[in-house]
Amino acid sequence: MGIILSLVVAGVIIYIDQEIEGYIDLKKDLKPKNIRQIKVTKKQLEKLKNIEKEEIINKTFGKDMWHFLEVAKDNFSEEELNNLYKNISSLKIKKHLLCEHRGYYSPASNKIVLKKDEDDSLYHELFHMASFNDKCFGGFFQYEGNYCIGRGLNEGYTDLLTMRYFPIRDYESSYSLEVNIVKALEMMVGKDLMTELYLTADLKGLIHNLQKINSNQSIMRFINDVDFLNKYRKSKRNKEFVDLKIEEVLSFLKSSAINKLKKDIEFDCNLEDITVWTWEFSKILKNIKECRSVTQKSEDYQKKKTKMIG
């Protein structure tokens, strides 16, 4: 009896310890980062002449890599492709039966690992590769040691670009909420500029452009909220926090849109264009509202594909 009681007590202690640790992580993740922690990306010019077609084609998934490169060259500028040119020649791609996610890109080893039967996530990971400036800067994501910021925006925009330039039938986004959030952000920043900032790993530049329509404090809270949603949205335990953060994200997007429209009206923008823009923007906000925590989502909604805005 004493052994059983000891085991029960030990189990309770472990459970409480995990709960406390989870609460500490949650509390830490709720706190916005300081804008002064955002680093400026160092840009290096890479030359396409170092990339040989035969060298790429002979790699594992080489034909897919070359197709990605050709599509990228057709749609993006040489400056935007610097990181792609730098990384693609030494890139390795492999499959792993025990991969925890559908796939991931490791900037440290410049390697993509795909889960078995998840080849459709390859282009998502190739965009990660194409946007990593170095081991700590990729797309809208920055990290150093225990500090990281922008993961939510980064995953959302990576998937948005994947679906836009490499449409695959029946591809279902793992980041439906994040995708709709960055769609709204892109409408305010501009499609071409948003893509350039992502491919050149310029989170600082994104923040600089958002400063035109909102405050530093609101911007940093927004980025942190999207990171929080990316980490906890599927957690049943933190449902109330998740719903609160979705409302805060919506509030930021609405206030930013209002400020943008005020500026547009001051510059005598076409009223018809503003009306169309507002209509499209409101549809995206509606999609975000529907992306509630997993306990609220119906089975039909889980199967629903993320709608594209070209």
C-alpha atoms as a PDB file:
ATOM      1  CA  MET A   1       0.000   0.000   0.000  1.00  0.00           C
ATOM      2  CA  GLY A   2       2.887   2.302   0.840  1.00  0.00           C
ATOM      3  CA  ILE A   3       4.422   1.738  -2.611  1.00  0.00           C
ATOM      4  CA  ILE A   4       1.137   2.556  -4.348  1.00  0.00           C
ATOM      5  CA  LEU A   5       0.715   5.722  -2.298  1.00  0.00           C
ATOM      6  CA  SER A   6       4.282   6.770  -3.106  1.00  0.00           C
ATOM      7  CA  LEU A   7       3.650   6.258  -6.824  1.00  0.00           C
ATOM      8  CA  VAL A   8       0.442   8.307  -6.665  1.00  0.00           C
ATOM      9  CA  VAL A   9       2.182  11.128  -4.797  1.00  0.00           C
ATOM     10  CA  ALA A  10       5.074  11.058  -7.280  1.00  0.00           C
ATOM     11  CA  GLY A  11       2.608  11.234 -10.163  1.00  0.00           C
ATOM     12  CA  VAL A  12       0.815  14.200  -8.613  1.00  0.00           C
ATOM     13  CA  ILE A  13       4.123  16.012  -8.045  1.00  0.00           C
ATOM     14  CA  ILE A  14       5.167  15.454 -11.665  1.00  0.00           C
ATOM     15  CA  TYR A  15       1.781  16.687 -12.893  1.00  0.00           C
ATOM     16  CA  ILE A  16       1.911  19.829 -10.737  1.00  0.00           C
ATOM     17  CA  ASP A  17       5.490  20.465 -11.828  1.00  0.00           C
ATOM     18  CA  GLN A  18       4.457  20.260 -15.489  1.00  0.00           C
ATOM     19  CA  GLU A  19       1.501  22.563 -14.876  1.00  0.00           C
ATOM     20  CA  ILE A  20       3.726  25.154 -13.194  1.00  0.00           C
ATOM     21  CA  GLU A  21       6.327  24.914 -15.965  1.00  0.00           C
ATOM     22  CA  GLY A  22       3.601  25.284 -18.591  1.00  0.00           C
ATOM     23  CA  TYR A  23       2.189  28.334 -16.792  1.00  0.00           C
ATOM     24  CA  ILE A  24       5.645  29.941 -16.623  1.00  0.00           C
ATOM     25  CA  ASP A  25       6.123  29.416 -20.383  1.00  0.00           C
ATOM     26  CA  LEU A  26       2.640  30.786 -21.045  1.00  0.00           C
ATOM     27  CA  LYS A  27       3.253  33.875 -18.929  1.00  0.00           C
ATOM     28  CA  LYS A  28       6.601  34.466 -20.655  1.00  0.00           C
ATOM     29  CA  ASP A  29       5.043  34.099 -24.116  1.00  0.00           C
ATOM     30  CA  LEU A  30       2.296  36.604 -23.268  1.00  0.00           C
ATOM     31  CA  LYS A  31       4.861  39.376 -22.729  1.00  0.00           C
ATOM     32  CA  PRO A  32       5.677  41.405 -25.903  1.00  0.00           C
ATOM     33  CA  LYS A  33       9.313  41.684 -27.007  1.00  0.00           C
ATOM     34  CA  ASN A  34      11.205  44.976 -26.975  1.00  0.00           C
ATOM     35  CA  ILE A  35      11.492  46.633 -30.389  1.00  0.00           C
ATOM     36  CA  ARG A  36      15.169  47.371 -29.678  1.00  0.00           C
ATOM     37  CA  GLN A  37      15.831  43.617 -29.751  1.00  0.00           C
ATOM     38  CA  ILE A  38      14.972  43.435 -33.460  1.00  0.00           C
ATOM     39  CA  LYS A  39      18.172  43.171 -35.497  1.00  0.00           C
ATOM     40  CA  VAL A  40      18.973  44.699 -38.883  1.00  0.00           C
ATOM     41  CA  THR A  41      19.628  42.040 -41.512  1.00  0.00           C
ATOM     42  CA  LYS A  42      23.054  42.043 -43.146  1.00  0.00           C
ATOM     43  CA  LYS A  43      22.654  41.683 -46.905  1.00  0.00           C
ATOM     44  CA  GLN A  44      25.215  39.889 -49.052  1.00  0.00           C
ATOM     45  CA  LEU A  45      25.182  39.709 -52.833  1.00  0.00           C
ATOM     46  CA  GLU A  46      25.317  36.199 -54.274  1.00  0.00           C
ATOM     47  CA  LYS A  47      25.891  35.372 -57.945  1.00  0.00           C
ATOM     48  CA  LEU A  48      23.729  32.954 -59.932  1.00  0.00           C
ATOM     49  CA  LYS A  49      26.755  31.833 -61.967  1.00  0.00           C
ATOM     50  CA  ASN A  50      27.767  29.489 -59.120  1.00  0.00           C
ATOM     51  CA  ILE A  51      24.637  27.374 -59.608  1.00  0.00           C
ATOM     52  CA  GLU A  52      24.905  24.558 -62.152  1.00  0.00           C
ATOM     53  CA  LYS A  53      21.705  22.892 -63.351  1.00  0.00           C
ATOM     54  CA  GLU A  54      23.251  19.419 -63.527  1.00  0.00           C
ATOM     55  CA  GLU A  55      24.574  19.759 -59.990  1.00  0.00           C
ATOM     56  CA  ILE A  56      21.082  20.579 -58.694  1.00  0.00           C
ATOM     57  CA  ILE A  57      19.181  18.010 -60.791  1.00  0.00           C
ATOM     58  CA  ASN A  58      21.347  15.142 -59.544  1.00  0.00           C
ATOM     59  CA  LYS A  59      20.424  15.838 -55.925  1.00  0.00           C
ATOM     60  CA  THR A  60      17.575  14.127 -54.057  1.00  0.00           C
ATOM     61  CA  PHE A  61      14.443  16.056 -55.110  1.00  0.00           C
ATOM     62  CA  GLY A  62      16.738  17.836 -57.572  1.00  0.00           C
ATOM     63  CA  LYS A  63      14.041  18.355 -60.228  1.00  0.00           C
ATOM     64  CA  ASP A  64      11.775  19.966 -57.633  1.00  0.00           C
ATOM     65  CA  MET A  65      14.630  22.192 -56.473  1.00  0.00           C
ATOM     66  CA  TRP A  66      15.362  23.323 -60.036  1.00  0.00           C
ATOM     67  CA  HIS A  67      11.662  23.961 -60.679  1.00  0.00           C
ATOM     68  CA  PHE A  68      11.543  26.065 -57.507  1.00  0.00           C
ATOM     69  CA  LEU A  69      14.581  28.023 -58.690  1.00  0.00           C
ATOM     70  CA  GLU A  70      13.089  28.683 -62.131  1.00  0.00           C
ATOM     71  CA  VAL A  71       9.744  29.852 -60.722  1.00  0.00           C
ATOM     72  CA  ALA A  72      11.588  32.086 -58.260  1.00  0.00           C
ATOM     73  CA  LYS A  73      13.683  33.635 -61.049  1.00  0.00           C
ATOM     74  CA  ASP A  74      10.518  34.341 -63.057  1.00  0.00           C
ATOM     75  CA  ASN A  75       8.772  36.099 -60.164  1.00  0.00           C
ATOM     76  CA  PHE A  76      11.404  37.733 -57.951  1.00  0.00           C
ATOM     77  CA  SER A  77      14.284  40.160 -58.445  1.00  0.00           C
ATOM     78  CA  GLU A  78      17.984  39.283 -58.244  1.00  0.00           C
ATOM     79  CA  GLU A  79      18.261  41.105 -54.909  1.00  0.00           C
ATOM     80  CA  GLU A  80      15.349  39.120 -53.492  1.00  0.00           C
ATOM     81  CA  LEU A  81      17.030  35.863 -54.549  1.00  0.00           C
ATOM     82  CA  ASN A  82      20.357  36.481 -52.787  1.00  0.00           C
ATOM     83  CA  ASN A  83      19.551  34.094 -49.940  1.00  0.00           C
ATOM     84  CA  LEU A  84      18.257  31.456 -52.344  1.00  0.00           C
ATOM     85  CA  TYR A  85      21.459  31.588 -54.412  1.00  0.00           C
ATOM     86  CA  LYS A  86      23.546  31.388 -51.252  1.00  0.00           C
ATOM     87  CA  ASN A  87      21.782  28.328 -49.850  1.00  0.00           C
ATOM     88  CA  ILE A  88      20.544  26.143 -52.694  1.00  0.00           C
ATOM     89  CA  SER A  89      23.833  24.689 -53.983  1.00  0.00           C
ATOM     90  CA  SER A  90      24.723  23.052 -50.660  1.00  0.00           C
ATOM     91  CA  LEU A  91      21.119  22.225 -49.676  1.00  0.00           C
ATOM     92  CA  LYS A  92      20.354  18.615 -48.722  1.00  0.00           C
ATOM     93  CA  ILE A  93      16.884  17.062 -48.618  1.00  0.00           C
ATOM     94  CA  LYS A  94      16.029  13.776 -46.926  1.00  0.00           C
ATOM     95  CA  LYS A  95      13.028  11.845 -45.644  1.00  0.00           C
ATOM     96  CA  HIS A  96      12.597  10.620 -42.101  1.00  0.00           C
ATOM     97  CA  LEU A  97       9.966   8.202 -40.810  1.00  0.00           C
ATOM     98  CA  LEU A  98       9.965   9.699 -37.313  1.00  0.00           C
ATOM     99  CA  CYS A  99       9.864  13.379 -38.310  1.00  0.00           C
ATOM    100  CA  GLU A 100       7.650  15.149 -35.758  1.00  0.00           C
ATOM    101  CA  HIS A 101       6.258  17.651 -38.266  1.00  0.00           C
ATOM    102  CA  ARG A 102       5.315  17.431 -41.951  1.00  0.00           C
ATOM    103  CA  GLY A 103       8.763  18.809 -42.630  1.00  0.00           C
ATOM    104  CA  TYR A 104      11.312  21.313 -41.380  1.00  0.00           C
ATOM    105  CA  TYR A 105      14.290  23.309 -42.583  1.00  0.00           C
ATOM    106  CA  SER A 106      17.464  23.473 -40.495  1.00  0.00           C
ATOM    107  CA  PRO A 107      19.464  26.638 -41.321  1.00  0.00           C
ATOM    108  CA  ALA A 108      22.398  25.419 -39.219  1.00  0.00           C
ATOM    109  CA  SER A 109      22.967  22.397 -41.465  1.00  0.00           C
ATOM    110  CA  ASN A 110      21.144  23.800 -44.534  1.00  0.00           C
ATOM    111  CA  LYS A 111      19.002  20.666 -44.670  1.00  0.00           C
ATOM    112  CA  ILE A 112      15.314  19.946 -45.289  1.00  0.00           C
ATOM    113  CA  VAL A 113      13.780  16.906 -43.598  1.00  0.00           C
ATOM    114  CA  LEU A 114      10.409  15.654 -44.853  1.00  0.00           C
ATOM    115  CA  LYS A 115       8.096  13.221 -43.133  1.00  0.00           C
ATOM    116  CA  LYS A 116       7.239  10.145 -45.184  1.00  0.00           C
ATOM    117  CA  ASP A 117       4.310  10.770 -47.591  1.00  0.00           C
ATOM    118  CA  GLU A 118       4.472  14.542 -46.935  1.00  0.00           C
ATOM    119  CA  ASP A 119       6.209  15.607 -50.156  1.00  0.00           C
ATOM    120  CA  ASP A 120       3.619  18.361 -50.655  1.00  0.00           C
ATOM    121  CA  SER A 121       5.315  20.375 -47.909  1.00  0.00           C
ATOM    122  CA  LEU A 122       8.606  20.523 -49.857  1.00  0.00           C
ATOM    123  CA  TYR A 123       7.960  23.926 -51.452  1.00  0.00           C
ATOM    124  CA  HIS A 124       7.031  25.387 -48.058  1.00  0.00           C
ATOM    125  CA  GLU A 125      10.425  24.298 -46.730  1.00  0.00           C
ATOM    126  CA  LEU A 126      12.198  25.538 -49.868  1.00  0.00           C
ATOM    127  CA  PHE A 127      10.756  29.001 -49.203  1.00  0.00           C
ATOM    128  CA  HIS A 128      12.218  28.812 -45.698  1.00  0.00           C
ATOM    129  CA  MET A 129      15.574  27.982 -47.272  1.00  0.00           C
ATOM    130  CA  ALA A 130      15.213  30.799 -49.814  1.00  0.00           C
ATOM    131  CA  SER A 131      14.536  33.390 -47.102  1.00  0.00           C
ATOM    132  CA  PHE A 132      17.246  32.496 -44.549  1.00  0.00           C
ATOM    133  CA  ASN A 133      20.022  35.094 -44.494  1.00  0.00           C
ATOM    134  CA  ASP A 134      22.056  33.192 -41.908  1.00  0.00           C
ATOM    135  CA  LYS A 135      21.427  30.800 -39.022  1.00  0.00           C
ATOM    136  CA  CYS A 136      19.447  33.370 -37.035  1.00  0.00           C
ATOM    137  CA  PHE A 137      17.506  35.368 -39.655  1.00  0.00           C
ATOM    138  CA  GLY A 138      14.866  33.806 -41.885  1.00  0.00           C
ATOM    139  CA  GLY A 139      11.868  35.511 -43.478  1.00  0.00           C
ATOM    140  CA  PHE A 140      10.137  37.386 -40.659  1.00  0.00           C
ATOM    141  CA  PHE A 141      11.712  35.169 -37.998  1.00  0.00           C
ATOM    142  CA  GLN A 142      14.678  36.075 -35.788  1.00  0.00           C
ATOM    143  CA  TYR A 143      16.184  34.027 -33.004  1.00  0.00           C
ATOM    144  CA  GLU A 144      19.273  33.983 -30.856  1.00  0.00           C
ATOM    145  CA  GLY A 145      19.632  31.700 -27.846  1.00  0.00           C
ATOM    146  CA  ASN A 146      16.328  31.667 -25.963  1.00  0.00           C
ATOM    147  CA  TYR A 147      15.116  34.809 -27.757  1.00  0.00           C
ATOM    148  CA  CYS A 148      12.904  34.398 -30.796  1.00  0.00           C
ATOM    149  CA  ILE A 149      10.290  36.523 -32.524  1.00  0.00           C
ATOM    150  CA  GLY A 150       8.202  36.439 -35.698  1.00  0.00           C
ATOM    151  CA  ARG A 151       7.660  32.692 -36.038  1.00  0.00           C
ATOM    152  CA  GLY A 152       3.888  33.075 -36.501  1.00  0.00           C
ATOM    153  CA  LEU A 153       4.145  35.714 -39.231  1.00  0.00           C
ATOM    154  CA  ASN A 154       6.938  33.738 -40.859  1.00  0.00           C
ATOM    155  CA  GLU A 155       5.033  30.445 -41.064  1.00  0.00           C
ATOM    156  CA  GLY A 156       1.922  32.215 -42.312  1.00  0.00           C
ATOM    157  CA  TYR A 157       3.700  34.084 -45.091  1.00  0.00           C
ATOM    158  CA  THR A 158       5.784  31.055 -46.064  1.00  0.00           C
ATOM    159  CA  ASP A 159       2.582  29.080 -46.603  1.00  0.00           C
ATOM    160  CA  LEU A 160       0.904  31.979 -48.420  1.00  0.00           C
ATOM    161  CA  LEU A 161       3.782  32.184 -50.920  1.00  0.00           C
ATOM    162  CA  THR A 162       3.828  28.402 -51.273  1.00  0.00           C
ATOM    163  CA  MET A 163       0.159  28.293 -52.249  1.00  0.00           C
ATOM    164  CA  ARG A 164       0.482  31.359 -54.470  1.00  0.00           C
ATOM    165  CA  TYR A 165       3.443  30.231 -56.588  1.00  0.00           C
ATOM    166  CA  PHE A 166       3.217  26.440 -56.272  1.00  0.00           C
ATOM    167  CA  PRO A 167      -0.503  25.628 -56.144  1.00  0.00           C
ATOM    168  CA  ILE A 168      -1.056  21.955 -55.329  1.00  0.00           C
ATOM    169  CA  ARG A 169      -4.502  20.407 -55.530  1.00  0.00           C
ATOM    170  CA  ASP A 170      -5.792  19.261 -52.126  1.00  0.00           C
ATOM    171  CA  TYR A 171      -2.929  21.003 -50.288  1.00  0.00           C
ATOM    172  CA  GLU A 172      -4.205  21.881 -46.829  1.00  0.00           C
ATOM    173  CA  SER A 173      -2.411  24.587 -44.914  1.00  0.00           C
ATOM    174  CA  SER A 174      -1.250  23.823 -41.388  1.00  0.00           C
ATOM    175  CA  TYR A 175      -1.345  27.561 -40.678  1.00  0.00           C
ATOM    176  CA  SER A 176      -4.800  28.711 -41.787  1.00  0.00           C
ATOM    177  CA  LEU A 177      -5.035  31.374 -39.071  1.00  0.00           C
ATOM    178  CA  GLU A 178      -1.530  32.713 -39.671  1.00  0.00           C
ATOM    179  CA  VAL A 179      -2.083  32.750 -43.448  1.00  0.00           C
ATOM    180  CA  ASN A 180      -5.182  34.916 -43.130  1.00  0.00           C
ATOM    181  CA  ILE A 181      -3.393  37.265 -40.719  1.00  0.00           C
ATOM    182  CA  VAL A 182      -0.510  37.847 -43.148  1.00  0.00           C
ATOM    183  CA  LYS A 183      -2.978  38.274 -46.028  1.00  0.00           C
ATOM    184  CA  ALA A 184      -4.454  41.211 -44.127  1.00  0.00           C
ATOM    185  CA  LEU A 185      -0.983  42.524 -43.345  1.00  0.00           C
ATOM    186  CA  GLU A 186       0.044  42.216 -46.992  1.00  0.00           C
ATOM    187  CA  MET A 187      -2.950  44.282 -48.088  1.00  0.00           C
ATOM    188  CA  MET A 188      -1.708  47.141 -45.920  1.00  0.00           C
ATOM    189  CA  VAL A 189       2.028  46.858 -46.634  1.00  0.00           C
ATOM    190  CA  GLY A 190       1.718  45.936 -50.310  1.00  0.00           C
ATOM    191  CA  LYS A 191       2.266  42.585 -52.010  1.00  0.00           C
ATOM    192  CA  ASP A 192       5.587  43.376 -53.720  1.00  0.00           C
ATOM    193  CA  LEU A 193       7.141  45.038 -50.679  1.00  0.00           C
ATOM    194  CA  MET A 194       5.937  42.323 -48.295  1.00  0.00           C
ATOM    195  CA  THR A 195       7.483  39.631 -50.505  1.00  0.00           C
ATOM    196  CA  GLU A 196      10.754  41.543 -50.770  1.00  0.00           C
ATOM    197  CA  LEU A 197      10.966  41.987 -46.997  1.00  0.00           C
ATOM    198  CA  TYR A 198      10.299  38.274 -46.456  1.00  0.00           C
ATOM    199  CA  LEU A 199      12.838  37.002 -49.003  1.00  0.00           C
ATOM    200  CA  THR A 200      15.523  39.359 -47.669  1.00  0.00           C
ATOM    201  CA  ALA A 201      14.753  38.366 -44.045  1.00  0.00           C
ATOM    202  CA  ASP A 202      13.965  41.975 -43.145  1.00  0.00           C
ATOM    203  CA  LEU A 203      11.674  41.916 -40.104  1.00  0.00           C
ATOM    204  CA  LYS A 204      13.029  45.333 -39.142  1.00  0.00           C
ATOM    205  CA  GLY A 205      11.877  46.670 -42.507  1.00  0.00           C
ATOM    206  CA  LEU A 206       8.397  45.233 -42.012  1.00  0.00           C
ATOM    207  CA  ILE A 207       8.132  46.925 -38.631  1.00  0.00           C
ATOM    208  CA  HIS A 208       9.386  50.201 -40.151  1.00  0.00           C
ATOM    209  CA  ASN A 209       6.558  50.108 -42.717  1.00  0.00           C
ATOM    210  CA  LEU A 210       3.938  49.248 -40.105  1.00  0.00           C
ATOM    211  CA  GLN A 211       5.076  52.280 -38.081  1.00  0.00           C
ATOM    212  CA  LYS A 212       3.390  54.419 -40.735  1.00  0.00           C
ATOM    213  CA  ILE A 213      -0.033  53.160 -39.618  1.00  0.00           C
ATOM    214  CA  ASN A 214       0.399  52.095 -35.986  1.00  0.00           C
ATOM    215  CA  SER A 215       2.545  52.579 -32.871  1.00  0.00           C
ATOM    216  CA  ASN A 216       5.686  50.632 -31.933  1.00  0.00           C
ATOM    217  CA  GLN A 217       3.986  49.246 -28.847  1.00  0.00           C
ATOM    218  CA  SER A 218       0.980  47.987 -30.813  1.00  0.00           C
ATOM    219  CA  ILE A 219       3.176  46.470 -33.536  1.00  0.00           C
ATOM    220  CA  MET A 220       5.325  44.528 -31.080  1.00  0.00           C
ATOM    221  CA  ARG A 221       2.249  43.318 -29.202  1.00  0.00           C
ATOM    222  CA  PHE A 222       0.709  42.209 -32.503  1.00  0.00           C
ATOM    223  CA  ILE A 223       3.797  40.224 -33.556  1.00  0.00           C
ATOM    224  CA  ASN A 224       3.934  38.626 -30.125  1.00  0.00           C
ATOM    225  CA  ASP A 225       0.212  37.772 -30.286  1.00  0.00           C
ATOM    226  CA  VAL A 226       0.685  35.999 -33.627  1.00  0.00           C
ATOM    227  CA  ASP A 227       3.624  34.059 -32.153  1.00  0.00           C
ATOM    228  CA  PHE A 228       1.432  33.113 -29.194  1.00  0.00           C
ATOM    229  CA  LEU A 229      -1.338  31.880 -31.485  1.00  0.00           C
ATOM    230  CA  ASN A 230       1.145  29.905 -33.557  1.00  0.00           C
ATOM    231  CA  LYS A 231       2.377  28.128 -30.424  1.00  0.00           C
ATOM    232  CA  TYR A 232      -0.835  27.631 -28.432  1.00  0.00           C
ATOM    233  CA  ARG A 233      -3.796  27.698 -30.848  1.00  0.00           C
ATOM    234  CA  LYS A 234      -4.253  23.922 -30.816  1.00  0.00           C
ATOM    235  CA  SER A 235      -3.968  23.701 -27.044  1.00  0.00           C
ATOM    236  CA  LYS A 236      -7.327  23.041 -25.365  1.00  0.00           C
ATOM    237  CA  ARG A 237      -5.871  24.151 -22.037  1.00  0.00           C
ATOM    238  CA  ASN A 238      -5.267  27.747 -23.159  1.00  0.00           C
ATOM    239  CA  LYS A 239      -8.491  28.285 -25.125  1.00  0.00           C
ATOM    240  CA  GLU A 240      -9.468  31.516 -23.334  1.00  0.00           C
ATOM    241  CA  PHE A 241      -6.038  33.085 -23.944  1.00  0.00           C
ATOM    242  CA  VAL A 242      -6.162  32.010 -27.588  1.00  0.00           C
ATOM    243  CA  ASP A 243      -9.570  33.609 -28.149  1.00  0.00           C
ATOM    244  CA  LEU A 244      -8.373  36.777 -26.421  1.00  0.00           C
ATOM    245  CA  LYS A 245      -5.297  36.962 -28.638  1.00  0.00           C
ATOM    246  CA  ILE A 246      -7.366  36.500 -31.783  1.00  0.00           C
ATOM    247  CA  GLU A 247      -9.489  39.476 -30.723  1.00  0.00           C
ATOM    248  CA  GLU A 248      -6.355  41.539 -30.060  1.00  0.00           C
ATOM    249  CA  VAL A 249      -4.956  40.641 -33.483  1.00  0.00           C
ATOM    250  CA  LEU A 250      -8.246  41.664 -35.101  1.00  0.00           C
ATOM    251  CA  SER A 251      -8.176  44.932 -33.165  1.00  0.00           C
ATOM    252  CA  PHE A 252      -4.654  45.709 -34.417  1.00  0.00           C
ATOM    253  CA  LEU A 253      -5.539  44.904 -38.023  1.00  0.00           C
ATOM    254  CA  LYS A 254      -8.703  47.032 -37.870  1.00  0.00           C
ATOM    255  CA  SER A 255      -6.975  50.063 -36.342  1.00  0.00           C
ATOM    256  CA  SER A 256      -4.101  49.771 -38.846  1.00  0.00           C
ATOM    257  CA  ALA A 257      -6.567  49.537 -41.745  1.00  0.00           C
ATOM    258  CA  ILE A 258      -8.454  52.613 -40.551  1.00  0.00           C
ATOM    259  CA  ASN A 259      -5.200  54.598 -40.321  1.00  0.00           C
ATOM    260  CA  LYS A 260      -4.183  53.413 -43.800  1.00  0.00           C
ATOM    261  CA  LEU A 261      -7.545  54.409 -45.285  1.00  0.00           C
ATOM    262  CA  LYS A 262      -7.303  57.857 -43.699  1.00  0.00           C
ATOM    263  CA  LYS A 263      -3.926  58.354 -45.378  1.00  0.00           C
ATOM    264  CA  ASP A 264      -5.290  57.065 -48.697  1.00  0.00           C
ATOM    265  CA  ILE A 265      -8.212  59.499 -48.557  1.00  0.00           C
ATOM    266  CA  GLU A 266      -5.813  62.369 -47.813  1.00  0.00           C
ATOM    267  CA  PHE A 267      -3.919  61.503 -50.987  1.00  0.00           C
ATOM    268  CA  ASP A 268      -7.156  61.498 -53.008  1.00  0.00           C
ATOM    269  CA  CYS A 269      -7.151  57.781 -53.789  1.00  0.00           C
ATOM    270  CA  ASN A 270      -9.920  56.503 -56.040  1.00  0.00           C
ATOM    271  CA  LEU A 271     -13.090  55.921 -54.014  1.00  0.00           C
ATOM    272  CA  GLU A 272     -13.933  52.790 -55.988  1.00  0.00           C
ATOM    273  CA  ASP A 273     -10.489  51.319 -55.251  1.00  0.00           C
ATOM    274  CA  ILE A 274     -10.909  52.062 -51.545  1.00  0.00           C
ATOM    275  CA  THR A 275     -14.347  50.393 -51.542  1.00  0.00           C
ATOM    276  CA  VAL A 276     -12.997  47.244 -53.214  1.00  0.00           C
ATOM    277  CA  TRP A 277     -10.003  47.179 -50.860  1.00  0.00           C
ATOM    278  CA  THR A 278     -12.261  47.510 -47.803  1.00  0.00           C
ATOM    279  CA  TRP A 279     -14.508  44.708 -49.039  1.00  0.00           C
ATOM    280  CA  GLU A 280     -11.585  42.334 -49.616  1.00  0.00           C
ATOM    281  CA  PHE A 281     -10.022  43.246 -46.268  1.00  0.00           C
ATOM    282  CA  SER A 282     -13.280  42.632 -44.383  1.00  0.00           C
ATOM    283  CA  LYS A 283     -13.527  39.152 -45.931  1.00  0.00           C
ATOM    284  CA  ILE A 284     -10.094  38.284 -44.561  1.00  0.00           C
ATOM    285  CA  LEU A 285     -11.067  39.536 -41.099  1.00  0.00           C
ATOM    286  CA  LYS A 286     -14.119  37.284 -41.265  1.00  0.00           C
ATOM    287  CA  ASN A 287     -11.881  34.298 -42.045  1.00  0.00           C
ATOM    288  CA  ILE A 288      -9.701  35.145 -39.040  1.00  0.00           C
ATOM    289  CA  LYS A 289     -12.746  35.234 -36.772  1.00  0.00           C
ATOM    290  CA  GLU A 290     -13.669  31.747 -37.989  1.00  0.00           C
ATOM    291  CA  CYS A 291     -10.211  30.403 -37.109  1.00  0.00           C
ATOM    292  CA  ARG A 292     -11.007  29.836 -33.460  1.00  0.00           C
ATOM    293  CA  SER A 293      -9.270  27.382 -31.149  1.00  0.00           C
ATOM    294  CA  VAL A 294      -9.430  23.725 -32.088  1.00  0.00           C
ATOM    295  CA  THR A 295     -12.231  22.977 -29.621  1.00  0.00           C
ATOM    296  CA  GLN A 296     -14.526  25.432 -31.411  1.00  0.00           C
ATOM    297  CA  LYS A 297     -13.765  24.362 -34.954  1.00  0.00           C
ATOM    298  CA  SER A 298     -16.179  21.997 -36.606  1.00  0.00           C
ATOM    299  CA  GLU A 299     -15.035  19.012 -38.615  1.00  0.00           C
ATOM    300  CA  ASP A 300     -16.204  20.729 -41.785  1.00  0.00           C
ATOM    301  CA  TYR A 301     -14.067  23.768 -41.087  1.00  0.00           C
ATOM    302  CA  GLN A 302     -10.977  21.634 -40.437  1.00  0.00           C
ATOM    303  CA  LYS A 303     -11.321  20.310 -43.979  1.00  0.00           C
ATOM    304  CA  LYS A 304     -11.834  23.739 -45.451  1.00  0.00           C
ATOM    305  CA  LYS A 305      -8.920  24.930 -47.604  1.00  0.00           C
ATOM    306  CA  THR A 306      -7.415  28.345 -47.109  1.00  0.00           C
ATOM    307  CA  LYS A 307      -8.732  30.700 -49.761  1.00  0.00           C
ATOM    308  CA  MET A 308      -6.183  32.509 -51.886  1.00  0.00           C
ATOM    309  CA  ILE A 309      -5.999  36.171 -52.758  1.00  0.00           C
ATOM    310  CA  GLY A 310      -3.741  36.575 -55.769  1.00  0.00           C
END
